[in-house]
Amino acid sequence: MLSAGISLLFANAEEYYENPFFWIKMCLLLMILIHYGAFRRSVYRNTKAIDRAPQIPKNARIAAILSLVLWTGVLLAGRAIGYYEAPNQGPPAHVR
């Protein structure tokens, strides 16, 4: 996923720079990194204890819901990138 995404970015960097869905996707990916950092100790490195608990702890439920929402957002923003058309701004300045 990472290598394909980087390859696509370098192939169309100029187009992606103006695409709001690209920036939404990048912000969501940043939020996923923050999410992992916030829940790493309490949830992701503590899965055995969570599995043995009689009830799923609240922080694990919050982490799961956030993860699903963030990754779904990345998926939807990624799909929307291809459907965005920048408004026509006329010919480039060097052609005028």
PDB file of N, CA and C in Angstrom:
ATOM      1  N   MET A   1       0.826  -1.175   0.000  1.00  0.00           N
ATOM      2  CA  MET A   1       0.000   0.000   0.000  1.00  0.00           C
ATOM      3  C   MET A   1       0.877   1.248   0.000  1.00  0.00           C
ATOM      4  N   LEU A   2       1.893   1.245   0.813  1.00  0.00           N
ATOM      5  CA  LEU A   2       2.753   2.414   0.926  1.00  0.00           C
ATOM      6  C   LEU A   2       3.528   2.668  -0.359  1.00  0.00           C
ATOM      7  N   SER A   3       4.108   1.618  -0.932  1.00  0.00           N
ATOM      8  CA  SER A   3       4.892   1.806  -2.160  1.00  0.00           C
ATOM      9  C   SER A   3       4.003   2.237  -3.329  1.00  0.00           C
ATOM     10  N   ALA A   4       2.805   1.684  -3.432  1.00  0.00           N
ATOM     11  CA  ALA A   4       1.889   2.088  -4.498  1.00  0.00           C
ATOM     12  C   ALA A   4       1.439   3.536  -4.304  1.00  0.00           C
ATOM     13  N   GLY A   5       1.154   3.915  -3.074  1.00  0.00           N
ATOM     14  CA  GLY A   5       0.731   5.285  -2.792  1.00  0.00           C
ATOM     15  C   GLY A   5       1.813   6.300  -3.095  1.00  0.00           C
ATOM     16  N   ILE A   6       3.044   5.981  -2.725  1.00  0.00           N
ATOM     17  CA  ILE A   6       4.157   6.892  -3.003  1.00  0.00           C
ATOM     18  C   ILE A   6       4.398   6.990  -4.498  1.00  0.00           C
ATOM     19  N   SER A   7       4.306   5.875  -5.206  1.00  0.00           N
ATOM     20  CA  SER A   7       4.485   5.893  -6.663  1.00  0.00           C
ATOM     21  C   SER A   7       3.417   6.756  -7.331  1.00  0.00           C
ATOM     22  N   LEU A   8       2.167   6.608  -6.900  1.00  0.00           N
ATOM     23  CA  LEU A   8       1.090   7.430  -7.463  1.00  0.00           C
ATOM     24  C   LEU A   8       1.276   8.906  -7.132  1.00  0.00           C
ATOM     25  N   LEU A   9       1.741   9.181  -5.939  1.00  0.00           N
ATOM     26  CA  LEU A   9       1.966  10.571  -5.545  1.00  0.00           C
ATOM     27  C   LEU A   9       3.020  11.227  -6.434  1.00  0.00           C
ATOM     28  N   PHE A  10       4.133  10.539  -6.644  1.00  0.00           N
ATOM     29  CA  PHE A  10       5.192  11.123  -7.465  1.00  0.00           C
ATOM     30  C   PHE A  10       4.787  11.233  -8.935  1.00  0.00           C
ATOM     31  N   ALA A  11       3.909  10.364  -9.383  1.00  0.00           N
ATOM     32  CA  ALA A  11       3.477  10.410 -10.777  1.00  0.00           C
ATOM     33  C   ALA A  11       2.560  11.598 -11.049  1.00  0.00           C
ATOM     34  N   ASN A  12       1.772  12.006 -10.057  1.00  0.00           N
ATOM     35  CA  ASN A  12       0.793  13.081 -10.242  1.00  0.00           C
ATOM     36  C   ASN A  12       0.848  14.103  -9.117  1.00  0.00           C
ATOM     37  N   ALA A  13       2.030  14.432  -8.655  1.00  0.00           N
ATOM     38  CA  ALA A  13       2.162  15.312  -7.488  1.00  0.00           C
ATOM     39  C   ALA A  13       1.491  16.662  -7.690  1.00  0.00           C
ATOM     40  N   GLU A  14       1.596  17.216  -8.877  1.00  0.00           N
ATOM     41  CA  GLU A  14       1.003  18.522  -9.152  1.00  0.00           C
ATOM     42  C   GLU A  14      -0.522  18.493  -9.015  1.00  0.00           C
ATOM     43  N   GLU A  15      -1.135  17.436  -9.525  1.00  0.00           N
ATOM     44  CA  GLU A  15      -2.595  17.299  -9.427  1.00  0.00           C
ATOM     45  C   GLU A  15      -3.043  17.060  -7.991  1.00  0.00           C
ATOM     46  N   TYR A  16      -2.306  16.226  -7.266  1.00  0.00           N
ATOM     47  CA  TYR A  16      -2.696  15.901  -5.898  1.00  0.00           C
ATOM     48  C   TYR A  16      -2.557  17.102  -4.972  1.00  0.00           C
ATOM     49  N   TYR A  17      -1.619  17.980  -5.259  1.00  0.00           N
ATOM     50  CA  TYR A  17      -1.408  19.142  -4.397  1.00  0.00           C
ATOM     51  C   TYR A  17      -2.674  19.986  -4.302  1.00  0.00           C
ATOM     52  N   GLU A  18      -3.437  20.087  -5.380  1.00  0.00           N
ATOM     53  CA  GLU A  18      -4.648  20.901  -5.407  1.00  0.00           C
ATOM     54  C   GLU A  18      -5.901  20.117  -5.011  1.00  0.00           C
ATOM     55  N   ASN A  19      -5.795  18.827  -4.817  1.00  0.00           N
ATOM     56  CA  ASN A  19      -6.948  17.975  -4.555  1.00  0.00           C
ATOM     57  C   ASN A  19      -7.274  17.962  -3.054  1.00  0.00           C
ATOM     58  N   PRO A  20      -8.439  18.471  -2.663  1.00  0.00           N
ATOM     59  CA  PRO A  20      -8.774  18.496  -1.237  1.00  0.00           C
ATOM     60  C   PRO A  20      -8.911  17.097  -0.628  1.00  0.00           C
ATOM     61  N   PHE A  21      -9.318  16.128  -1.429  1.00  0.00           N
ATOM     62  CA  PHE A  21      -9.456  14.768  -0.895  1.00  0.00           C
ATOM     63  C   PHE A  21      -8.095  14.152  -0.583  1.00  0.00           C
ATOM     64  N   PHE A  22      -7.072  14.529  -1.318  1.00  0.00           N
ATOM     65  CA  PHE A  22      -5.712  14.078  -1.011  1.00  0.00           C
ATOM     66  C   PHE A  22      -5.301  14.596   0.366  1.00  0.00           C
ATOM     67  N   TRP A  23      -5.580  15.873   0.623  1.00  0.00           N
ATOM     68  CA  TRP A  23      -5.187  16.459   1.909  1.00  0.00           C
ATOM     69  C   TRP A  23      -6.025  15.898   3.052  1.00  0.00           C
ATOM     70  N   ILE A  24      -7.280  15.595   2.793  1.00  0.00           N
ATOM     71  CA  ILE A  24      -8.104  14.932   3.813  1.00  0.00           C
ATOM     72  C   ILE A  24      -7.495  13.577   4.150  1.00  0.00           C
ATOM     73  N   LYS A  25      -7.088  12.844   3.128  1.00  0.00           N
ATOM     74  CA  LYS A  25      -6.492  11.530   3.345  1.00  0.00           C
ATOM     75  C   LYS A  25      -5.189  11.643   4.140  1.00  0.00           C
ATOM     76  N   MET A  26      -4.362  12.628   3.806  1.00  0.00           N
ATOM     77  CA  MET A  26      -3.105  12.809   4.532  1.00  0.00           C
ATOM     78  C   MET A  26      -3.358  13.169   5.997  1.00  0.00           C
ATOM     79  N   CYS A  27      -4.360  14.018   6.245  1.00  0.00           N
ATOM     80  CA  CYS A  27      -4.704  14.369   7.627  1.00  0.00           C
ATOM     81  C   CYS A  27      -5.222  13.155   8.398  1.00  0.00           C
ATOM     82  N   LEU A  28      -6.028  12.339   7.742  1.00  0.00           N
ATOM     83  CA  LEU A  28      -6.531  11.126   8.392  1.00  0.00           C
ATOM     84  C   LEU A  28      -5.398  10.154   8.703  1.00  0.00           C
ATOM     85  N   LEU A  29      -4.428  10.032   7.797  1.00  0.00           N
ATOM     86  CA  LEU A  29      -3.281   9.165   8.066  1.00  0.00           C
ATOM     87  C   LEU A  29      -2.465   9.691   9.245  1.00  0.00           C
ATOM     88  N   LEU A  30      -2.324  11.000   9.333  1.00  0.00           N
ATOM     89  CA  LEU A  30      -1.638  11.590  10.485  1.00  0.00           C
ATOM     90  C   LEU A  30      -2.416  11.297  11.767  1.00  0.00           C
ATOM     91  N   MET A  31      -3.738  11.404  11.697  1.00  0.00           N
ATOM     92  CA  MET A  31      -4.560  11.096  12.865  1.00  0.00           C
ATOM     93  C   MET A  31      -4.447   9.625  13.265  1.00  0.00           C
ATOM     94  N   ILE A  32      -4.253   8.743  12.296  1.00  0.00           N
ATOM     95  CA  ILE A  32      -4.061   7.323  12.602  1.00  0.00           C
ATOM     96  C   ILE A  32      -2.756   7.118  13.359  1.00  0.00           C
ATOM     97  N   LEU A  33      -1.711   7.831  12.969  1.00  0.00           N
ATOM     98  CA  LEU A  33      -0.440   7.737  13.704  1.00  0.00           C
ATOM     99  C   LEU A  33      -0.595   8.250  15.136  1.00  0.00           C
ATOM    100  N   ILE A  34      -1.308   9.349  15.293  1.00  0.00           N
ATOM    101  CA  ILE A  34      -1.563   9.883  16.633  1.00  0.00           C
ATOM    102  C   ILE A  34      -2.415   8.899  17.440  1.00  0.00           C
ATOM    103  N   HIS A  35      -3.401   8.315  16.800  1.00  0.00           N
ATOM    104  CA  HIS A  35      -4.265   7.314  17.439  1.00  0.00           C
ATOM    105  C   HIS A  35      -3.442   6.136  17.943  1.00  0.00           C
ATOM    106  N   TYR A  36      -2.544   5.647  17.109  1.00  0.00           N
ATOM    107  CA  TYR A  36      -1.713   4.524  17.525  1.00  0.00           C
ATOM    108  C   TYR A  36      -0.844   4.909  18.719  1.00  0.00           C
ATOM    109  N   GLY A  37      -0.259   6.090  18.660  1.00  0.00           N
ATOM    110  CA  GLY A  37       0.571   6.533  19.784  1.00  0.00           C
ATOM    111  C   GLY A  37      -0.223   6.677  21.072  1.00  0.00           C
ATOM    112  N   ALA A  38      -1.436   7.146  20.963  1.00  0.00           N
ATOM    113  CA  ALA A  38      -2.264   7.359  22.150  1.00  0.00           C
ATOM    114  C   ALA A  38      -2.726   6.043  22.775  1.00  0.00           C
ATOM    115  N   PHE A  39      -2.998   5.045  21.958  1.00  0.00           N
ATOM    116  CA  PHE A  39      -3.557   3.784  22.466  1.00  0.00           C
ATOM    117  C   PHE A  39      -2.556   2.624  22.471  1.00  0.00           C
ATOM    118  N   ARG A  40      -1.316   2.891  22.116  1.00  0.00           N
ATOM    119  CA  ARG A  40      -0.330   1.814  22.014  1.00  0.00           C
ATOM    120  C   ARG A  40      -0.167   1.060  23.330  1.00  0.00           C
ATOM    121  N   ARG A  41       0.069   1.760  24.404  1.00  0.00           N
ATOM    122  CA  ARG A  41       0.325   1.085  25.677  1.00  0.00           C
ATOM    123  C   ARG A  41      -0.942   0.483  26.284  1.00  0.00           C
ATOM    124  N   SER A  42      -2.025   1.221  26.232  1.00  0.00           N
ATOM    125  CA  SER A  42      -3.222   0.761  26.945  1.00  0.00           C
ATOM    126  C   SER A  42      -4.019  -0.287  26.182  1.00  0.00           C
ATOM    127  N   VAL A  43      -3.905  -0.326  24.857  1.00  0.00           N
ATOM    128  CA  VAL A  43      -4.738  -1.247  24.082  1.00  0.00           C
ATOM    129  C   VAL A  43      -3.887  -2.190  23.236  1.00  0.00           C
ATOM    130  N   TYR A  44      -3.087  -1.653  22.339  1.00  0.00           N
ATOM    131  CA  TYR A  44      -2.432  -2.481  21.332  1.00  0.00           C
ATOM    132  C   TYR A  44      -1.324  -3.375  21.884  1.00  0.00           C
ATOM    133  N   ARG A  45      -0.714  -3.006  22.971  1.00  0.00           N
ATOM    134  CA  ARG A  45       0.293  -3.879  23.588  1.00  0.00           C
ATOM    135  C   ARG A  45      -0.269  -4.644  24.778  1.00  0.00           C
ATOM    136  N   ASN A  46      -1.564  -4.613  24.937  1.00  0.00           N
ATOM    137  CA  ASN A  46      -2.205  -5.225  26.088  1.00  0.00           C
ATOM    138  C   ASN A  46      -3.360  -6.123  25.657  1.00  0.00           C
ATOM    139  N   THR A  47      -3.250  -6.737  24.495  1.00  0.00           N
ATOM    140  CA  THR A  47      -4.380  -7.480  23.936  1.00  0.00           C
ATOM    141  C   THR A  47      -4.733  -8.742  24.731  1.00  0.00           C
ATOM    142  N   LYS A  48      -3.751  -9.408  25.296  1.00  0.00           N
ATOM    143  CA  LYS A  48      -4.052 -10.625  26.065  1.00  0.00           C
ATOM    144  C   LYS A  48      -4.901 -10.306  27.286  1.00  0.00           C
ATOM    145  N   ALA A  49      -4.568  -9.246  27.993  1.00  0.00           N
ATOM    146  CA  ALA A  49      -5.353  -8.854  29.169  1.00  0.00           C
ATOM    147  C   ALA A  49      -6.760  -8.413  28.760  1.00  0.00           C
ATOM    148  N   ILE A  50      -6.865  -7.742  27.636  1.00  0.00           N
ATOM    149  CA  ILE A  50      -8.173  -7.312  27.160  1.00  0.00           C
ATOM    150  C   ILE A  50      -9.026  -8.523  26.785  1.00  0.00           C
ATOM    151  N   ASP A  51      -8.408  -9.526  26.160  1.00  0.00           N
ATOM    152  CA  ASP A  51      -9.143 -10.746  25.811  1.00  0.00           C
ATOM    153  C   ASP A  51      -9.654 -11.494  27.035  1.00  0.00           C
ATOM    154  N   ARG A  52      -8.907 -11.453  28.137  1.00  0.00           N
ATOM    155  CA  ARG A  52      -9.300 -12.164  29.357  1.00  0.00           C
ATOM    156  C   ARG A  52     -10.306 -11.386  30.196  1.00  0.00           C
ATOM    157  N   ALA A  53     -10.463 -10.117  29.930  1.00  0.00           N
ATOM    158  CA  ALA A  53     -11.359  -9.281  30.743  1.00  0.00           C
ATOM    159  C   ALA A  53     -12.812  -9.709  30.543  1.00  0.00           C
ATOM    160  N   PRO A  54     -13.617  -9.660  31.600  1.00  0.00           N
ATOM    161  CA  PRO A  54     -15.024 -10.044  31.473  1.00  0.00           C
ATOM    162  C   PRO A  54     -15.801  -9.100  30.552  1.00  0.00           C
ATOM    163  N   GLN A  55     -15.386  -7.843  30.518  1.00  0.00           N
ATOM    164  CA  GLN A  55     -15.992  -6.853  29.636  1.00  0.00           C
ATOM    165  C   GLN A  55     -14.873  -6.157  28.875  1.00  0.00           C
ATOM    166  N   ILE A  56     -15.152  -5.757  27.649  1.00  0.00           N
ATOM    167  CA  ILE A  56     -14.147  -5.018  26.891  1.00  0.00           C
ATOM    168  C   ILE A  56     -13.993  -3.647  27.535  1.00  0.00           C
ATOM    169  N   PRO A  57     -12.758  -3.273  27.887  1.00  0.00           N
ATOM    170  CA  PRO A  57     -12.547  -1.964  28.526  1.00  0.00           C
ATOM    171  C   PRO A  57     -12.972  -0.817  27.607  1.00  0.00           C
ATOM    172  N   LYS A  58     -13.378   0.261  28.244  1.00  0.00           N
ATOM    173  CA  LYS A  58     -13.877   1.418  27.504  1.00  0.00           C
ATOM    174  C   LYS A  58     -12.825   1.964  26.540  1.00  0.00           C
ATOM    175  N   ASN A  59     -11.565   2.039  26.968  1.00  0.00           N
ATOM    176  CA  ASN A  59     -10.532   2.586  26.086  1.00  0.00           C
ATOM    177  C   ASN A  59     -10.289   1.691  24.869  1.00  0.00           C
ATOM    178  N   ALA A  60     -10.487   0.394  25.017  1.00  0.00           N
ATOM    179  CA  ALA A  60     -10.342  -0.514  23.874  1.00  0.00           C
ATOM    180  C   ALA A  60     -11.487  -0.320  22.888  1.00  0.00           C
ATOM    181  N   ARG A  61     -12.695  -0.097  23.404  1.00  0.00           N
ATOM    182  CA  ARG A  61     -13.837   0.165  22.527  1.00  0.00           C
ATOM    183  C   ARG A  61     -13.668   1.485  21.783  1.00  0.00           C
ATOM    184  N   ILE A  62     -13.190   2.490  22.487  1.00  0.00           N
ATOM    185  CA  ILE A  62     -12.952   3.792  21.855  1.00  0.00           C
ATOM    186  C   ILE A  62     -11.885   3.657  20.773  1.00  0.00           C
ATOM    187  N   ALA A  63     -10.800   2.932  21.079  1.00  0.00           N
ATOM    188  CA  ALA A  63      -9.735   2.731  20.100  1.00  0.00           C
ATOM    189  C   ALA A  63     -10.252   1.999  18.861  1.00  0.00           C
ATOM    190  N   ALA A  64     -11.096   1.001  19.063  1.00  0.00           N
ATOM    191  CA  ALA A  64     -11.633   0.236  17.939  1.00  0.00           C
ATOM    192  C   ALA A  64     -12.540   1.096  17.063  1.00  0.00           C
ATOM    193  N   ILE A  65     -13.409   1.863  17.697  1.00  0.00           N
ATOM    194  CA  ILE A  65     -14.320   2.720  16.934  1.00  0.00           C
ATOM    195  C   ILE A  65     -13.543   3.779  16.160  1.00  0.00           C
ATOM    196  N   LEU A  66     -12.590   4.424  16.824  1.00  0.00           N
ATOM    197  CA  LEU A  66     -11.773   5.430  16.150  1.00  0.00           C
ATOM    198  C   LEU A  66     -10.997   4.832  14.987  1.00  0.00           C
ATOM    199  N   SER A  67     -10.446   3.661  15.199  1.00  0.00           N
ATOM    200  CA  SER A  67      -9.689   3.007  14.139  1.00  0.00           C
ATOM    201  C   SER A  67     -10.568   2.739  12.921  1.00  0.00           C
ATOM    202  N   LEU A  68     -11.751   2.196  13.161  1.00  0.00           N
ATOM    203  CA  LEU A  68     -12.672   1.919  12.054  1.00  0.00           C
ATOM    204  C   LEU A  68     -13.077   3.195  11.317  1.00  0.00           C
ATOM    205  N   VAL A  69     -13.378   4.240  12.061  1.00  0.00           N
ATOM    206  CA  VAL A  69     -13.784   5.510  11.442  1.00  0.00           C
ATOM    207  C   VAL A  69     -12.644   6.112  10.637  1.00  0.00           C
ATOM    208  N   LEU A  70     -11.443   6.135  11.221  1.00  0.00           N
ATOM    209  CA  LEU A  70     -10.296   6.737  10.529  1.00  0.00           C
ATOM    210  C   LEU A  70      -9.924   5.966   9.265  1.00  0.00           C
ATOM    211  N   TRP A  71      -9.845   4.643   9.348  1.00  0.00           N
ATOM    212  CA  TRP A  71      -9.473   3.863   8.169  1.00  0.00           C
ATOM    213  C   TRP A  71     -10.559   3.903   7.092  1.00  0.00           C
ATOM    214  N   THR A  72     -11.823   3.961   7.509  1.00  0.00           N
ATOM    215  CA  THR A  72     -12.898   4.113   6.525  1.00  0.00           C
ATOM    216  C   THR A  72     -12.783   5.470   5.837  1.00  0.00           C
ATOM    217  N   GLY A  73     -12.446   6.494   6.602  1.00  0.00           N
ATOM    218  CA  GLY A  73     -12.234   7.814   6.019  1.00  0.00           C
ATOM    219  C   GLY A  73     -11.090   7.835   5.025  1.00  0.00           C
ATOM    220  N   VAL A  74      -9.999   7.135   5.344  1.00  0.00           N
ATOM    221  CA  VAL A  74      -8.869   7.044   4.416  1.00  0.00           C
ATOM    222  C   VAL A  74      -9.306   6.360   3.123  1.00  0.00           C
ATOM    223  N   LEU A  75     -10.053   5.293   3.252  1.00  0.00           N
ATOM    224  CA  LEU A  75     -10.539   4.571   2.081  1.00  0.00           C
ATOM    225  C   LEU A  75     -11.424   5.465   1.210  1.00  0.00           C
ATOM    226  N   LEU A  76     -12.379   6.148   1.831  1.00  0.00           N
ATOM    227  CA  LEU A  76     -13.300   6.989   1.075  1.00  0.00           C
ATOM    228  C   LEU A  76     -12.595   8.193   0.451  1.00  0.00           C
ATOM    229  N   ALA A  77     -11.698   8.817   1.195  1.00  0.00           N
ATOM    230  CA  ALA A  77     -10.949   9.954   0.640  1.00  0.00           C
ATOM    231  C   ALA A  77     -10.060   9.498  -0.505  1.00  0.00           C
ATOM    232  N   GLY A  78      -9.451   8.332  -0.366  1.00  0.00           N
ATOM    233  CA  GLY A  78      -8.617   7.801  -1.443  1.00  0.00           C
ATOM    234  C   GLY A  78      -9.409   7.542  -2.712  1.00  0.00           C
ATOM    235  N   ARG A  79     -10.603   7.012  -2.558  1.00  0.00           N
ATOM    236  CA  ARG A  79     -11.462   6.789  -3.736  1.00  0.00           C
ATOM    237  C   ARG A  79     -11.888   8.110  -4.359  1.00  0.00           C
ATOM    238  N   ALA A  80     -12.159   9.112  -3.530  1.00  0.00           N
ATOM    239  CA  ALA A  80     -12.633  10.396  -4.036  1.00  0.00           C
ATOM    240  C   ALA A  80     -11.542  11.172  -4.770  1.00  0.00           C
ATOM    241  N   ILE A  81     -10.288  10.865  -4.507  1.00  0.00           N
ATOM    242  CA  ILE A  81      -9.180  11.572  -5.170  1.00  0.00           C
ATOM    243  C   ILE A  81      -9.326  11.479  -6.688  1.00  0.00           C
ATOM    244  N   GLY A  82      -9.660  10.327  -7.193  1.00  0.00           N
ATOM    245  CA  GLY A  82      -9.754  10.115  -8.627  1.00  0.00           C
ATOM    246  C   GLY A  82     -10.931  10.800  -9.287  1.00  0.00           C
ATOM    247  N   TYR A  83     -11.921  11.197  -8.505  1.00  0.00           N
ATOM    248  CA  TYR A  83     -13.117  11.810  -9.072  1.00  0.00           C
ATOM    249  C   TYR A  83     -13.114  13.333  -8.991  1.00  0.00           C
ATOM    250  N   TYR A  84     -12.105  13.900  -8.371  1.00  0.00           N
ATOM    251  CA  TYR A  84     -12.046  15.354  -8.223  1.00  0.00           C
ATOM    252  C   TYR A  84     -11.445  15.981  -9.470  1.00  0.00           C
ATOM    253  N   GLU A  85     -12.109  17.009  -9.958  1.00  0.00           N
ATOM    254  CA  GLU A  85     -11.573  17.774 -11.078  1.00  0.00           C
ATOM    255  C   GLU A  85     -11.383  19.209 -10.616  1.00  0.00           C
ATOM    256  N   ALA A  86     -10.162  19.697 -10.749  1.00  0.00           N
ATOM    257  CA  ALA A  86      -9.867  21.069 -10.351  1.00  0.00           C
ATOM    258  C   ALA A  86     -10.598  22.027 -11.283  1.00  0.00           C
ATOM    259  N   PRO A  87     -11.052  23.154 -10.761  1.00  0.00           N
ATOM    260  CA  PRO A  87     -11.708  24.130 -11.626  1.00  0.00           C
ATOM    261  C   PRO A  87     -10.744  24.618 -12.707  1.00  0.00           C
ATOM    262  N   ASN A  88     -11.245  24.820 -13.901  1.00  0.00           N
ATOM    263  CA  ASN A  88     -10.414  25.277 -15.007  1.00  0.00           C
ATOM    264  C   ASN A  88     -10.006  26.723 -14.752  1.00  0.00           C
ATOM    265  N   GLN A  89      -8.695  26.934 -14.686  1.00  0.00           N
ATOM    266  CA  GLN A  89      -8.187  28.272 -14.387  1.00  0.00           C
ATOM    267  C   GLN A  89      -7.591  28.935 -15.616  1.00  0.00           C
ATOM    268  N   GLY A  90      -7.888  28.407 -16.770  1.00  0.00           N
ATOM    269  CA  GLY A  90      -7.356  28.991 -18.011  1.00  0.00           C
ATOM    270  C   GLY A  90      -5.979  28.443 -18.323  1.00  0.00           C
ATOM    271  N   PRO A  91      -5.356  28.981 -19.364  1.00  0.00           N
ATOM    272  CA  PRO A  91      -4.045  28.471 -19.753  1.00  0.00           C
ATOM    273  C   PRO A  91      -2.978  28.880 -18.732  1.00  0.00           C
ATOM    274  N   PRO A  92      -1.885  28.125 -18.682  1.00  0.00           N
ATOM    275  CA  PRO A  92      -0.784  28.470 -17.766  1.00  0.00           C
ATOM    276  C   PRO A  92      -0.241  29.863 -18.079  1.00  0.00           C
ATOM    277  N   ALA A  93       0.380  30.477 -17.097  1.00  0.00           N
ATOM    278  CA  ALA A  93       0.875  31.851 -17.236  1.00  0.00           C
ATOM    279  C   ALA A  93       1.872  32.003 -18.378  1.00  0.00           C
ATOM    280  N   HIS A  94       2.698  31.003 -18.647  1.00  0.00           N
ATOM    281  CA  HIS A  94       3.715  31.131 -19.705  1.00  0.00           C
ATOM    282  C   HIS A  94       3.100  31.085 -21.100  1.00  0.00           C
ATOM    283  N   VAL A  95       1.831  30.690 -21.225  1.00  0.00           N
ATOM    284  CA  VAL A  95       1.166  30.617 -22.530  1.00  0.00           C
ATOM    285  C   VAL A  95       0.444  31.928 -22.851  1.00  0.00           C
ATOM    286  N   ARG A  96       0.042  32.674 -21.848  1.00  0.00           N
ATOM    287  CA  ARG A  96      -0.734  33.907 -22.031  1.00  0.00           C
ATOM    288  C   ARG A  96       0.011  34.952 -22.774  1.00  0.00           C
TER     289      ARG A  96
END
